[in-house]
């Protein structure tokens, strides 16, 4: 197609232009030019939309659907944190079992030397008492020691084989425990970021959880009053329950127990530079060292420290293992007790969501400001609740079975 025809098709008209209308050229009306530009823009817009649709997945959804998806995502994030914490607990237990196994093997190896000396002394005294020749007594002692040594060697061999497996598992668990902690903090921070975006968008997933918790409690109370026991409605309510609730309850219970034991005078006296705290620090360093210590040895060393004199006498209510007790005493000057108290209050009042509270506690633990034993007690609390629920279900099933038999009779 020739250029003049192409210009004519586009809306240009051939006419005289220029000074005195002496030059021949092409001109277009303003309306035609506007139409031409609009058509061109529309074409570019369509082409851009096609390119975007081919490269990216574009979704259009209603706000109610998005709100529902976010509620489900938030609940899934809480459930994932719960599972990750249970996994962390297993790694933590593996590490403690590995250290205990190493300490046990060390004690077994050292026990033979002590037994050897005691047996020689006993045989020597017995020989003198019955008038036995000392040379014959020594030979008799050596024979006994050879028998004991062979038995001890065989026991050490089997124990060493088992300990090697536990130590290998413990070494892997140390790395996995740290990795799991990092992963939990990262994912909880990501969910916290999404929650902040939800607030900006007018979506309150935490409020939904509160409503579901109230509905669950009302439903359980109704069933209990009616004697319905665990029904389908109750099971559904349990599914909607906050997955982190029991863990946080166990954590704050342990924290409050700690505050009762070590506030006031203990917090003032256990600081860097004080004799008692320096002994605690030394013991904590030994526990974390390469040479493992058995719980019995740790307890003996802890009993040597005058904690009662600085207002930190261990009450009968302490339920933590002795290793974790040493750690929490070591952390007395570092634990941000005011922040944790404020978190607990805000959580119980429903002002702060469980995910956000759990994220902050995990971050404090990662920084070495919260004892691992407190988190472990949170997991233990959850497991305890699950065991009680299972026992209750078994009891109800047994009662129903007995009622059915009585009806048949």
Protein backbone atom coordinates (compact mmCIF):
# COMPACT_ATOMS: atom_id res chain seq x y z
CA UNK A 1 0.00 0.00 0.00
CA UNK A 2 1.36 3.43 -1.00
CA UNK A 3 2.14 6.04 1.64
CA UNK A 4 -0.59 8.50 0.55
CA UNK A 5 -3.22 5.75 0.77
CA UNK A 6 -1.92 4.67 4.19
CA UNK A 7 -2.11 8.24 5.50
CA UNK A 8 -5.60 8.61 4.10
CA UNK A 9 -6.67 5.43 5.91
CA UNK A 10 -5.25 6.84 9.15
CA UNK A 11 -7.38 9.99 8.81
CA UNK A 12 -4.93 12.39 7.15
CA UNK A 13 -6.19 14.66 4.31
CA UNK A 14 -4.13 16.03 1.42
CA UNK A 15 -4.33 19.82 1.22
CA UNK A 16 -2.31 22.99 0.86
CA UNK A 17 -0.52 24.08 4.01
CA UNK A 18 2.17 26.52 4.99
CA UNK A 19 2.52 30.25 4.37
CA UNK A 20 -0.04 31.43 1.80
CA UNK A 21 -1.26 27.83 1.32
CA UNK A 22 1.43 27.27 -1.33
CA UNK A 23 2.83 23.94 -0.04
CA UNK A 24 1.07 20.62 -0.52
CA UNK A 25 0.98 18.37 2.54
CA UNK A 26 -1.13 16.20 4.86
CA UNK A 27 -3.08 17.32 7.87
CA UNK A 28 -5.43 15.64 10.35
CA UNK A 29 -8.29 16.94 12.38
CA UNK A 30 -7.95 17.16 16.15
CA UNK A 31 -10.84 14.74 16.71
CA UNK A 32 -9.31 12.21 14.31
CA UNK A 33 -5.91 12.52 16.01
CA UNK A 34 -7.52 11.95 19.41
CA UNK A 35 -9.26 8.83 18.12
CA UNK A 36 -5.99 7.58 16.60
CA UNK A 37 -4.05 8.11 19.85
CA UNK A 38 -6.80 6.49 21.90
CA UNK A 39 -6.78 3.44 19.62
CA UNK A 40 -3.00 3.18 19.90
CA UNK A 41 -3.12 3.41 23.72
CA UNK A 42 -5.85 0.78 23.83
CA UNK A 43 -3.75 -1.57 21.70
CA UNK A 44 -0.71 -1.10 23.95
CA UNK A 45 -2.88 -1.66 27.03
CA UNK A 46 -4.28 -4.92 25.64
CA UNK A 47 -0.81 -6.10 24.64
CA UNK A 48 0.55 -5.24 28.13
CA UNK A 49 -2.29 -7.10 29.84
CA UNK A 50 -1.64 -10.16 27.65
CA UNK A 51 2.07 -10.12 28.52
CA UNK A 52 1.35 -9.78 32.26
CA UNK A 53 -1.23 -12.58 32.16
CA UNK A 54 1.25 -14.89 30.42
CA UNK A 55 4.10 -14.16 32.86
CA UNK A 56 2.19 -13.78 36.15
CA UNK A 57 -0.84 -15.44 37.78
CA UNK A 58 -3.40 -12.71 38.33
CA UNK A 59 -6.19 -13.46 40.81
CA UNK A 60 -9.26 -11.41 41.62
CA UNK A 61 -10.99 -12.38 44.83
CA UNK A 62 -13.57 -10.94 47.19
CA UNK A 63 -12.45 -9.41 50.47
CA UNK A 64 -14.48 -11.96 52.44
CA UNK A 65 -12.66 -14.82 50.70
CA UNK A 66 -9.30 -13.18 51.38
CA UNK A 67 -10.23 -12.74 55.04
CA UNK A 68 -11.21 -16.40 55.28
CA UNK A 69 -7.95 -17.49 53.65
CA UNK A 70 -5.92 -15.35 56.03
CA UNK A 71 -7.72 -16.84 59.04
CA UNK A 72 -6.89 -20.34 57.79
CA UNK A 73 -3.28 -19.35 57.06
CA UNK A 74 -2.93 -17.85 60.54
CA UNK A 75 -4.26 -21.01 62.19
CA UNK A 76 -1.91 -23.10 60.02
CA UNK A 77 1.04 -20.91 61.07
CA UNK A 78 0.14 -21.48 64.74
CA UNK A 79 -0.15 -25.22 64.17
CA UNK A 80 3.21 -25.28 62.36
CA UNK A 81 4.86 -23.43 65.26
CA UNK A 82 3.38 -25.99 67.64
CA UNK A 83 4.76 -28.93 65.63
CA UNK A 84 8.15 -27.25 65.25
CA UNK A 85 8.31 -26.68 69.00
CA UNK A 86 7.56 -30.35 69.65
CA UNK A 87 10.35 -31.27 67.24
CA UNK A 88 12.70 -28.83 69.00
CA UNK A 89 11.81 -30.52 72.28
CA UNK A 90 12.87 -33.90 70.89
CA UNK A 91 16.23 -32.49 69.80
CA UNK A 92 16.67 -30.88 73.22
CA UNK A 93 15.97 -34.22 74.93
CA UNK A 94 18.44 -36.01 72.64
CA UNK A 95 21.16 -33.55 73.64
CA UNK A 96 20.50 -34.08 77.35
CA UNK A 97 20.42 -37.87 76.96
CA UNK A 98 23.70 -37.74 75.06
CA UNK A 99 25.36 -35.74 77.84
CA UNK A 100 23.98 -38.09 80.49
CA UNK A 101 25.24 -41.13 78.56
CA UNK A 102 28.73 -39.66 78.24
CA UNK A 103 28.82 -38.86 81.96
CA UNK A 104 27.63 -42.39 82.80
CA UNK A 105 30.33 -43.99 80.65
CA UNK A 106 32.97 -41.78 82.27
CA UNK A 107 31.80 -42.82 85.75
CA UNK A 108 31.88 -46.50 84.75
CA UNK A 109 35.44 -46.15 83.52
CA UNK A 110 36.51 -44.40 86.72
CA UNK A 111 34.70 -46.86 88.99
CA UNK A 112 37.09 -49.71 88.20
CA UNK A 113 40.08 -47.81 89.57
CA UNK A 114 38.25 -47.11 92.82
CA UNK A 115 37.08 -50.74 93.05
CA UNK A 116 40.62 -52.01 92.49
CA UNK A 117 42.00 -50.02 95.39
CA UNK A 118 39.16 -51.01 97.73
CA UNK A 119 39.45 -54.70 96.86
CA UNK A 120 43.23 -54.82 97.42
CA UNK A 121 42.82 -53.09 100.76
CA UNK A 122 40.02 -55.47 101.76
CA UNK A 123 42.02 -58.61 100.83
CA UNK A 124 45.08 -57.27 102.65
CA UNK A 125 43.06 -56.65 105.83
CA UNK A 126 41.35 -60.03 105.55
CA UNK A 127 44.69 -61.82 105.05
CA UNK A 128 46.12 -60.21 108.15
CA UNK A 129 42.99 -61.11 110.12
CA UNK A 130 43.02 -64.83 109.27
CA UNK A 131 46.81 -65.13 109.21
CA UNK A 132 47.07 -65.74 105.44
CA UNK A 133 50.42 -65.31 103.73
CA UNK A 134 50.53 -61.76 102.29
CA UNK A 135 51.99 -63.02 99.01
CA UNK A 136 49.17 -65.53 98.59
CA UNK A 137 46.72 -62.79 99.52
CA UNK A 138 48.06 -60.53 96.78
CA UNK A 139 47.76 -63.35 94.24
CA UNK A 140 44.19 -64.01 95.34
CA UNK A 141 43.36 -60.32 95.00
CA UNK A 142 44.89 -60.23 91.52
CA UNK A 143 42.75 -63.20 90.40
CA UNK A 144 39.62 -61.50 91.69
CA UNK A 145 40.59 -58.27 90.00
CA UNK A 146 41.17 -60.05 86.69
CA UNK A 147 37.67 -61.54 86.84
CA UNK A 148 36.17 -58.17 87.71
CA UNK A 149 38.27 -56.45 85.02
CA UNK A 150 37.04 -58.85 82.33
CA UNK A 151 33.42 -58.28 83.36
CA UNK A 152 33.99 -54.51 83.53
CA UNK A 153 35.64 -54.50 80.10
CA UNK A 154 32.70 -56.40 78.60
CA UNK A 155 30.20 -53.97 80.18
CA UNK A 156 32.17 -50.94 78.98
CA UNK A 157 32.30 -52.41 75.47
CA UNK A 158 28.51 -52.74 75.20
CA UNK A 159 27.86 -49.44 76.98
CA UNK A 160 30.39 -47.64 74.78
CA UNK A 161 28.65 -48.91 71.64
CA UNK A 162 25.31 -47.56 72.87
CA UNK A 163 26.82 -44.26 74.04
CA UNK A 164 28.44 -43.68 70.65
CA UNK A 165 25.00 -43.80 69.03
CA UNK A 166 23.58 -41.43 71.63
CA UNK A 167 26.53 -39.04 71.27
CA UNK A 168 26.20 -39.05 67.47
CA UNK A 169 22.47 -38.34 67.80
CA UNK A 170 23.24 -35.59 70.33
CA UNK A 171 25.73 -33.90 68.00
CA UNK A 172 23.20 -33.92 65.17
CA UNK A 173 20.52 -32.64 67.53
CA UNK A 174 22.66 -29.65 68.56
CA UNK A 175 22.76 -28.45 64.95
CA UNK A 176 19.13 -29.37 64.30
CA UNK A 177 17.97 -27.61 67.49
CA UNK A 178 19.65 -24.37 66.39
CA UNK A 179 18.30 -24.76 62.85
CA UNK A 180 14.78 -25.38 64.14
CA UNK A 181 14.97 -22.31 66.39
CA UNK A 182 16.08 -20.12 63.47
CA UNK A 183 13.34 -21.57 61.25
CA UNK A 184 10.66 -20.96 63.89
CA UNK A 185 11.72 -17.35 64.46
CA UNK A 186 11.86 -16.69 60.71
CA UNK A 187 8.40 -18.13 60.01
CA UNK A 188 6.85 -16.46 63.06
CA UNK A 189 8.27 -13.10 61.97
CA UNK A 190 6.83 -13.68 58.50
CA UNK A 191 3.41 -14.40 59.97
CA UNK A 192 3.72 -11.32 62.21
CA UNK A 193 4.41 -9.24 59.10
CA UNK A 194 1.29 -10.67 57.43
CA UNK A 195 -0.74 -9.81 60.54
CA UNK A 196 0.43 -6.20 60.33
CA UNK A 197 -0.66 -6.16 56.67
CA UNK A 198 -4.01 -7.62 57.75
CA UNK A 199 -4.54 -4.77 60.21
CA UNK A 200 -3.85 -2.26 57.43
CA UNK A 201 -6.39 -4.10 55.25
CA UNK A 202 -8.99 -4.18 58.03
CA UNK A 203 -8.63 -7.91 58.73
CA UNK A 204 -8.29 -9.07 62.35
CA UNK A 205 -7.40 -12.78 62.37
CA UNK A 206 -6.70 -12.64 66.12
CA UNK A 207 -10.27 -11.47 66.79
CA UNK A 208 -11.55 -14.45 64.85
CA UNK A 209 -9.49 -16.78 67.07
CA UNK A 210 -10.95 -15.15 70.19
CA UNK A 211 -14.49 -15.64 68.92
CA UNK A 212 -13.78 -19.28 68.06
CA UNK A 213 -12.28 -19.85 71.52
CA UNK A 214 -15.34 -18.32 73.22
CA UNK A 215 -17.63 -20.40 71.01
CA UNK A 216 -15.65 -23.54 71.85
CA UNK A 217 -15.83 -22.86 75.58
CA UNK A 218 -19.57 -22.18 75.39
CA UNK A 219 -20.09 -25.35 73.36
CA UNK A 220 -18.08 -27.45 75.83
CA UNK A 221 -19.98 -25.96 78.77
CA UNK A 222 -23.27 -26.74 77.06
CA UNK A 223 -22.23 -30.33 76.36
CA UNK A 224 -20.96 -30.77 79.90
CA UNK A 225 -24.23 -29.49 81.33
CA UNK A 226 -26.19 -31.81 79.04
CA UNK A 227 -23.90 -34.75 79.84
CA UNK A 228 -23.08 -35.20 76.17
CA UNK A 229 -19.37 -35.75 76.70
CA UNK A 230 -17.11 -35.59 73.67
CA UNK A 231 -19.44 -35.18 70.71
CA UNK A 232 -18.79 -34.23 67.12
CA UNK A 233 -19.41 -30.59 67.96
CA UNK A 234 -16.85 -30.78 70.77
CA UNK A 235 -14.27 -32.32 68.44
CA UNK A 236 -14.81 -29.52 65.98
CA UNK A 237 -14.33 -26.98 68.77
CA UNK A 238 -11.06 -28.65 69.74
CA UNK A 239 -9.80 -28.36 66.19
CA UNK A 240 -10.40 -24.60 66.33
CA UNK A 241 -8.60 -24.19 69.66
CA UNK A 242 -5.43 -22.10 69.69
CA UNK A 243 -2.58 -24.62 69.08
CA UNK A 244 -0.11 -22.51 71.10
CA UNK A 245 -2.35 -21.97 74.13
CA UNK A 246 -1.10 -24.86 76.28
CA UNK A 247 2.56 -24.21 75.42
CA UNK A 248 2.29 -20.57 76.43
CA UNK A 249 0.39 -21.52 79.59
CA UNK A 250 3.16 -23.93 80.60
CA UNK A 251 5.83 -21.34 79.83
CA UNK A 252 4.21 -18.56 81.86
CA UNK A 253 3.47 -20.93 84.76
CA UNK A 254 7.17 -21.78 84.96
CA UNK A 255 8.10 -18.11 84.63
CA UNK A 256 5.76 -17.12 87.49
CA UNK A 257 7.21 -19.90 89.63
CA UNK A 258 10.66 -18.49 88.87
CA UNK A 259 9.54 -14.98 89.82
CA UNK A 260 8.22 -16.26 93.15
CA UNK A 261 11.52 -18.00 93.94
CA UNK A 262 14.08 -15.47 92.71
CA UNK A 263 12.63 -11.97 92.83
CA UNK A 264 13.69 -9.25 95.26
CA UNK A 265 16.81 -10.08 97.26
CA UNK A 266 17.99 -12.84 94.89
CA UNK A 267 17.81 -10.56 91.87
CA UNK A 268 19.76 -7.87 93.71
CA UNK A 269 22.50 -10.21 94.97
CA UNK A 270 23.04 -12.44 91.92
CA UNK A 271 24.98 -10.13 89.64
CA UNK A 272 28.35 -10.14 87.88
CA UNK A 273 31.14 -9.69 90.38
CA UNK A 274 29.38 -11.19 93.41
CA UNK A 275 31.00 -14.38 94.86
CA UNK A 276 27.85 -16.52 94.70
CA UNK A 277 27.01 -15.55 91.13
CA UNK A 278 30.62 -16.18 90.01
CA UNK A 279 30.31 -19.75 91.37
CA UNK A 280 27.03 -20.21 89.47
CA UNK A 281 28.67 -18.89 86.33
CA UNK A 282 31.60 -21.28 86.79
CA UNK A 283 29.24 -24.25 87.24
CA UNK A 284 27.19 -23.24 84.19
CA UNK A 285 30.40 -23.01 82.12
CA UNK A 286 31.37 -26.54 83.24
CA UNK A 287 27.94 -27.88 82.28
CA UNK A 288 28.24 -26.33 78.81
CA UNK A 289 31.85 -27.50 78.42
CA UNK A 290 33.16 -30.42 76.41
CA UNK A 291 33.38 -32.72 79.45
CA UNK A 292 29.81 -33.82 80.30
CA UNK A 293 28.50 -33.82 83.87
CA UNK A 294 25.92 -36.19 85.31
CA UNK A 295 22.87 -34.69 87.01
CA UNK A 296 24.01 -36.14 90.33
CA UNK A 297 27.36 -34.37 90.05
CA UNK A 298 25.67 -31.10 89.07
CA UNK A 299 23.38 -31.37 92.09
CA UNK A 300 26.37 -31.97 94.38
CA UNK A 301 28.15 -28.89 92.99
CA UNK A 302 24.97 -26.80 93.26
CA UNK A 303 24.45 -27.84 96.89
CA UNK A 304 27.90 -26.47 97.71
CA UNK A 305 26.78 -22.96 96.69
CA UNK A 306 25.05 -20.95 99.42
CA UNK A 307 22.00 -19.84 97.44
CA UNK A 308 19.86 -19.41 100.56
CA UNK A 309 22.33 -16.81 101.83
CA UNK A 310 21.58 -14.56 98.84
CA UNK A 311 17.82 -15.12 98.97
CA UNK A 312 17.72 -17.74 96.22
CA UNK A 313 16.98 -20.85 98.22
CA UNK A 314 15.44 -23.50 95.96
CA UNK A 315 11.89 -24.13 97.06
CA UNK A 316 10.15 -27.50 96.94
CA UNK A 317 7.99 -26.29 94.06
CA UNK A 318 10.83 -26.26 91.54
CA UNK A 319 10.03 -28.89 88.90
CA UNK A 320 12.83 -28.22 86.41
CA UNK A 321 15.79 -30.61 85.97
CA UNK A 322 18.89 -29.47 87.86
CA UNK A 323 20.65 -28.51 84.58
CA UNK A 324 17.84 -26.11 83.69
CA UNK A 325 17.79 -24.72 87.25
CA UNK A 326 21.48 -23.80 86.96
CA UNK A 327 20.76 -22.12 83.61
CA UNK A 328 17.88 -20.02 84.94
CA UNK A 329 19.90 -18.93 87.99
CA UNK A 330 22.74 -17.98 85.65
CA UNK A 331 20.28 -15.93 83.58
CA UNK A 332 18.74 -14.06 86.56
CA UNK A 333 20.54 -10.77 85.73
CA UNK A 334 19.68 -11.11 82.03
CA UNK A 335 16.06 -12.28 81.91
CA UNK A 336 13.77 -9.37 80.84
CA UNK A 337 11.17 -10.18 83.51
CA UNK A 338 9.21 -6.94 83.04
CA UNK A 339 8.81 -7.55 79.31
CA UNK A 340 7.73 -11.17 79.84
CA UNK A 341 5.23 -10.10 82.53
CA UNK A 342 3.78 -7.49 80.16
CA UNK A 343 3.55 -10.10 77.38
CA UNK A 344 1.68 -12.50 79.65
CA UNK A 345 -0.77 -9.81 80.75
CA UNK A 346 -1.40 -8.65 77.21
CA UNK A 347 -1.89 -12.23 76.00
CA UNK A 348 -4.30 -13.19 78.78
CA UNK A 349 -6.31 -10.01 78.16
CA UNK A 350 -6.58 -10.91 74.48
CA UNK A 351 -4.67 -7.82 73.32
CA UNK A 352 -1.75 -9.76 71.80
CA UNK A 353 -2.12 -12.82 69.60
CA UNK A 354 -0.47 -16.13 70.55
CA UNK A 355 1.70 -16.14 67.43
CA UNK A 356 3.12 -12.71 68.23
CA UNK A 357 3.77 -13.66 71.88
CA UNK A 358 5.41 -16.94 70.88
CA UNK A 359 7.56 -15.14 68.29
CA UNK A 360 8.88 -12.71 70.90
CA UNK A 361 9.64 -15.51 73.37
CA UNK A 362 11.48 -17.50 70.71
CA UNK A 363 13.50 -14.43 69.79
CA UNK A 364 14.45 -13.92 73.46
CA UNK A 365 15.50 -17.57 73.70
CA UNK A 366 17.60 -17.27 70.55
CA UNK A 367 19.40 -14.30 72.13
CA UNK A 368 20.11 -16.34 75.27
CA UNK A 369 17.73 -14.35 77.50
CA UNK A 370 15.22 -17.11 78.24
CA UNK A 371 16.13 -20.58 79.62
CA UNK A 372 15.49 -23.55 77.37
CA UNK A 373 13.83 -25.33 80.29
CA UNK A 374 10.93 -22.86 80.28
CA UNK A 375 10.15 -23.66 76.65
CA UNK A 376 10.50 -27.36 77.44
CA UNK A 377 7.97 -26.99 80.24
CA UNK A 378 5.59 -25.43 77.71
CA UNK A 379 5.82 -28.55 75.56
CA UNK A 380 5.44 -30.78 78.63
CA UNK A 381 2.29 -28.87 79.61
CA UNK A 382 0.80 -29.48 76.17
CA UNK A 383 1.66 -33.20 76.30
CA UNK A 384 0.15 -33.42 79.76
CA UNK A 385 -3.11 -31.87 78.53
CA UNK A 386 -3.21 -34.28 75.59
CA UNK A 387 -2.70 -37.25 77.92
CA UNK A 388 -5.52 -36.05 80.19
CA UNK A 389 -7.83 -35.64 77.19
CA UNK A 390 -6.98 -39.14 75.96
CA UNK A 391 -7.62 -40.59 79.43
CA UNK A 392 -10.95 -38.74 79.59
CA UNK A 393 -11.96 -40.06 76.16
CA UNK A 394 -11.01 -43.62 77.15
CA UNK A 395 -13.00 -43.29 80.35
CA UNK A 396 -16.07 -42.01 78.48
CA UNK A 397 -15.80 -44.80 75.91
CA UNK A 398 -15.53 -47.34 78.71
CA UNK A 399 -18.58 -45.88 80.47
CA UNK A 400 -20.57 -45.94 77.22
CA UNK A 401 -19.54 -49.54 76.64
CA UNK A 402 -20.61 -50.54 80.16
CA UNK A 403 -23.93 -48.71 79.76
CA UNK A 404 -24.52 -50.57 76.49
CA UNK A 405 -23.90 -53.92 78.17
CA UNK A 406 -26.31 -53.08 81.00
CA UNK A 407 -29.01 -52.14 78.48
CA UNK A 408 -28.59 -55.46 76.66
CA UNK A 409 -28.82 -57.39 79.91
